[in-house]
């Protein structure tokens, strides 16, 4: 009688979580930059810190833009 699909049917999420890429861009690359390039002969402490912070900040801005410009995070519903 009811032609609507069941509520338990799974929908394709608009945002696919990518935990390996998140881990790589948020922790591993910035850590490697800070460990390898923070010497006085390379970028120096300030330059390495700015280069290391560029990865998680730009990844976060990309994720914010790709999810929605009105949501703070993709995991929380809009009714919060």
N, C-alpha and C. Protein backbone atom coordinates (compact mmCIF):
# COMPACT_ATOMS: atom_id res chain seq x y z
N UNK A 1 0.80 -1.19 0.00
CA UNK A 1 0.00 0.00 0.00
C UNK A 1 0.84 1.26 0.00
N UNK A 2 1.93 1.22 0.70
CA UNK A 2 2.80 2.38 0.80
C UNK A 2 3.86 2.28 -0.29
N UNK A 3 3.91 3.23 -1.20
CA UNK A 3 4.86 3.20 -2.30
C UNK A 3 6.19 3.85 -1.97
N UNK A 4 6.33 4.42 -0.78
CA UNK A 4 7.57 5.08 -0.39
C UNK A 4 8.57 4.04 0.09
N UNK A 5 9.88 4.26 -0.16
CA UNK A 5 10.88 3.31 0.31
C UNK A 5 10.97 3.34 1.83
N UNK A 6 11.46 2.24 2.36
CA UNK A 6 11.59 2.13 3.81
C UNK A 6 12.58 3.16 4.34
N UNK A 7 12.35 3.59 5.57
CA UNK A 7 13.21 4.61 6.18
C UNK A 7 14.60 4.07 6.46
N UNK A 8 14.70 2.74 6.55
CA UNK A 8 16.00 2.15 6.86
C UNK A 8 16.88 1.99 5.62
N UNK A 9 16.37 2.33 4.46
CA UNK A 9 17.18 2.23 3.24
C UNK A 9 18.35 3.19 3.34
N UNK A 10 19.53 2.70 2.98
CA UNK A 10 20.72 3.54 3.11
C UNK A 10 20.82 4.48 1.92
N UNK A 11 21.15 5.71 2.22
CA UNK A 11 21.36 6.73 1.20
C UNK A 11 22.85 6.92 0.99
N UNK A 12 23.23 7.30 -0.20
CA UNK A 12 24.62 7.60 -0.47
C UNK A 12 24.97 8.93 0.18
N UNK A 13 25.98 8.96 1.04
CA UNK A 13 26.33 10.22 1.69
C UNK A 13 26.90 11.22 0.70
N UNK A 14 26.60 12.48 0.93
CA UNK A 14 27.12 13.54 0.06
C UNK A 14 28.62 13.70 0.24
N UNK A 15 29.11 13.38 1.42
CA UNK A 15 30.54 13.53 1.72
C UNK A 15 31.08 12.18 2.13
N UNK A 16 32.04 11.67 1.37
CA UNK A 16 32.66 10.40 1.72
C UNK A 16 33.85 10.68 2.62
N UNK A 17 33.88 10.09 3.80
CA UNK A 17 35.04 10.29 4.67
C UNK A 17 36.28 9.60 4.10
N UNK A 18 37.40 10.28 4.20
CA UNK A 18 38.67 9.75 3.71
C UNK A 18 39.68 9.82 4.85
N UNK A 19 39.64 8.85 5.76
CA UNK A 19 40.48 8.95 6.95
C UNK A 19 41.97 8.91 6.67
N UNK A 20 42.41 8.14 5.69
CA UNK A 20 43.85 8.09 5.39
C UNK A 20 44.36 9.42 4.86
N UNK A 21 43.58 10.03 3.99
CA UNK A 21 43.97 11.33 3.44
C UNK A 21 43.93 12.40 4.54
N UNK A 22 42.93 12.33 5.41
CA UNK A 22 42.85 13.27 6.53
C UNK A 22 44.07 13.13 7.44
N UNK A 23 44.43 11.90 7.74
CA UNK A 23 45.59 11.64 8.59
C UNK A 23 46.88 12.13 7.94
N UNK A 24 47.00 11.88 6.65
CA UNK A 24 48.20 12.28 5.92
C UNK A 24 48.35 13.80 5.90
N UNK A 25 47.28 14.51 5.55
CA UNK A 25 47.37 15.96 5.40
C UNK A 25 47.32 16.72 6.73
N UNK A 26 46.78 16.11 7.76
CA UNK A 26 46.66 16.81 9.03
C UNK A 26 47.79 16.52 10.01
N UNK A 27 48.40 15.33 9.91
CA UNK A 27 49.40 14.95 10.91
C UNK A 27 50.75 14.59 10.29
N UNK A 28 50.76 13.69 9.33
CA UNK A 28 52.02 13.12 8.85
C UNK A 28 52.86 14.14 8.08
N UNK A 29 52.28 14.80 7.09
CA UNK A 29 53.04 15.79 6.30
C UNK A 29 53.50 16.96 7.16
N UNK A 30 52.62 17.57 7.99
CA UNK A 30 53.13 18.66 8.85
C UNK A 30 54.22 18.21 9.81
N UNK A 31 54.10 17.00 10.36
CA UNK A 31 55.15 16.50 11.26
C UNK A 31 56.47 16.33 10.53
N UNK A 32 56.41 15.79 9.32
CA UNK A 32 57.63 15.61 8.54
C UNK A 32 58.26 16.95 8.19
N UNK A 33 57.45 17.94 7.86
CA UNK A 33 57.98 19.27 7.55
C UNK A 33 58.65 19.87 8.78
N UNK A 34 58.01 19.74 9.93
CA UNK A 34 58.60 20.30 11.15
C UNK A 34 59.89 19.59 11.55
N UNK A 35 59.93 18.27 11.36
CA UNK A 35 61.14 17.52 11.74
C UNK A 35 62.29 17.74 10.77
N UNK A 36 62.00 17.78 9.48
CA UNK A 36 63.07 17.81 8.48
C UNK A 36 63.47 19.21 8.02
N UNK A 37 62.56 20.16 8.03
CA UNK A 37 62.84 21.47 7.44
C UNK A 37 62.91 22.62 8.44
N UNK A 38 62.92 22.33 9.73
CA UNK A 38 62.94 23.42 10.69
C UNK A 38 64.34 23.84 11.11
N UNK A 39 65.35 23.28 10.51
CA UNK A 39 66.73 23.67 10.83
C UNK A 39 67.07 25.05 10.28
N UNK A 40 68.13 25.63 10.78
CA UNK A 40 68.54 26.96 10.34
C UNK A 40 68.98 26.98 8.87
N UNK A 41 69.49 25.86 8.38
CA UNK A 41 69.94 25.79 6.98
C UNK A 41 68.78 25.61 6.01
N UNK A 42 67.62 25.20 6.50
CA UNK A 42 66.47 24.95 5.63
C UNK A 42 65.50 26.13 5.74
N UNK A 43 64.29 25.89 6.19
CA UNK A 43 63.28 26.96 6.27
C UNK A 43 63.37 27.77 7.55
N UNK A 44 63.98 27.22 8.58
CA UNK A 44 63.97 27.88 9.87
C UNK A 44 62.70 27.49 10.63
N UNK A 45 62.65 27.88 11.88
CA UNK A 45 61.51 27.48 12.72
C UNK A 45 60.21 28.11 12.25
N UNK A 46 60.23 29.40 11.97
CA UNK A 46 59.01 30.10 11.57
C UNK A 46 58.54 29.65 10.19
N UNK A 47 59.43 29.52 9.25
CA UNK A 47 59.06 29.08 7.91
C UNK A 47 58.51 27.66 7.89
N UNK A 48 59.14 26.77 8.67
CA UNK A 48 58.65 25.39 8.73
C UNK A 48 57.29 25.33 9.41
N UNK A 49 57.07 26.14 10.43
CA UNK A 49 55.76 26.17 11.09
C UNK A 49 54.68 26.66 10.14
N UNK A 50 54.97 27.70 9.39
CA UNK A 50 53.99 28.21 8.43
C UNK A 50 53.71 27.20 7.31
N UNK A 51 54.76 26.53 6.84
CA UNK A 51 54.57 25.52 5.80
C UNK A 51 53.79 24.32 6.34
N UNK A 52 54.06 23.93 7.58
CA UNK A 52 53.35 22.80 8.18
C UNK A 52 51.89 23.13 8.45
N UNK A 53 51.61 24.35 8.85
CA UNK A 53 50.22 24.75 9.12
C UNK A 53 49.41 24.94 7.84
N UNK A 54 50.08 25.16 6.72
CA UNK A 54 49.37 25.37 5.46
C UNK A 54 48.60 24.13 5.03
N UNK A 55 49.11 22.94 5.33
CA UNK A 55 48.44 21.72 4.89
C UNK A 55 47.11 21.49 5.60
N UNK A 56 47.05 21.45 6.94
CA UNK A 56 45.74 21.20 7.56
C UNK A 56 44.76 22.36 7.38
N UNK A 57 45.25 23.59 7.31
CA UNK A 57 44.34 24.71 7.12
C UNK A 57 43.72 24.68 5.73
N UNK A 58 44.54 24.45 4.71
CA UNK A 58 43.99 24.41 3.36
C UNK A 58 43.11 23.18 3.15
N UNK A 59 43.42 22.04 3.78
CA UNK A 59 42.57 20.86 3.67
C UNK A 59 41.23 21.11 4.37
N UNK A 60 41.26 21.77 5.52
CA UNK A 60 40.02 22.09 6.22
C UNK A 60 39.15 23.05 5.43
N UNK A 61 39.76 24.04 4.80
CA UNK A 61 38.99 24.97 3.97
C UNK A 61 38.41 24.27 2.75
N UNK A 62 39.16 23.36 2.16
CA UNK A 62 38.65 22.60 1.03
C UNK A 62 37.45 21.74 1.44
N UNK A 63 37.58 21.06 2.57
CA UNK A 63 36.49 20.22 3.07
C UNK A 63 35.27 21.06 3.41
N UNK A 64 35.47 22.21 4.01
CA UNK A 64 34.36 23.09 4.35
C UNK A 64 33.65 23.57 3.09
N UNK A 65 34.41 23.90 2.07
CA UNK A 65 33.83 24.37 0.82
C UNK A 65 33.14 23.23 0.06
N UNK A 66 33.69 22.04 0.10
CA UNK A 66 33.10 20.93 -0.66
C UNK A 66 31.85 20.38 0.01
N UNK A 67 31.75 20.47 1.32
CA UNK A 67 30.55 19.95 2.00
C UNK A 67 29.39 20.91 1.81
N UNK A 68 29.54 22.09 2.32
CA UNK A 68 28.51 23.11 2.20
C UNK A 68 29.07 24.37 2.82
N UNK A 69 28.71 25.51 2.27
CA UNK A 69 29.25 26.72 2.86
C UNK A 69 28.49 27.15 4.11
N UNK A 70 27.40 26.48 4.44
CA UNK A 70 26.62 26.85 5.61
C UNK A 70 26.81 25.91 6.78
N UNK A 71 27.41 24.75 6.58
CA UNK A 71 27.64 23.81 7.66
C UNK A 71 29.06 23.97 8.19
N UNK A 72 29.21 23.80 9.49
CA UNK A 72 30.54 23.87 10.08
C UNK A 72 31.26 22.54 9.85
N UNK A 73 30.61 21.44 10.14
CA UNK A 73 31.18 20.13 9.85
C UNK A 73 30.15 19.30 9.10
N UNK A 74 30.61 18.34 8.37
CA UNK A 74 29.73 17.53 7.53
C UNK A 74 29.01 16.45 8.33
N UNK A 75 29.55 16.05 9.46
CA UNK A 75 29.00 14.93 10.20
C UNK A 75 27.75 15.30 10.99
N UNK A 76 27.61 16.54 11.39
CA UNK A 76 26.48 16.94 12.20
C UNK A 76 25.29 17.32 11.31
N UNK A 77 24.09 16.92 11.69
CA UNK A 77 22.93 17.32 10.88
C UNK A 77 22.64 18.81 11.03
N UNK A 78 21.93 19.35 10.09
CA UNK A 78 21.63 20.78 10.11
C UNK A 78 20.69 21.17 11.25
N UNK A 79 20.00 20.21 11.84
CA UNK A 79 19.05 20.53 12.90
C UNK A 79 19.73 20.84 14.22
N UNK A 80 21.04 20.66 14.30
CA UNK A 80 21.75 20.94 15.55
C UNK A 80 21.77 22.40 15.79
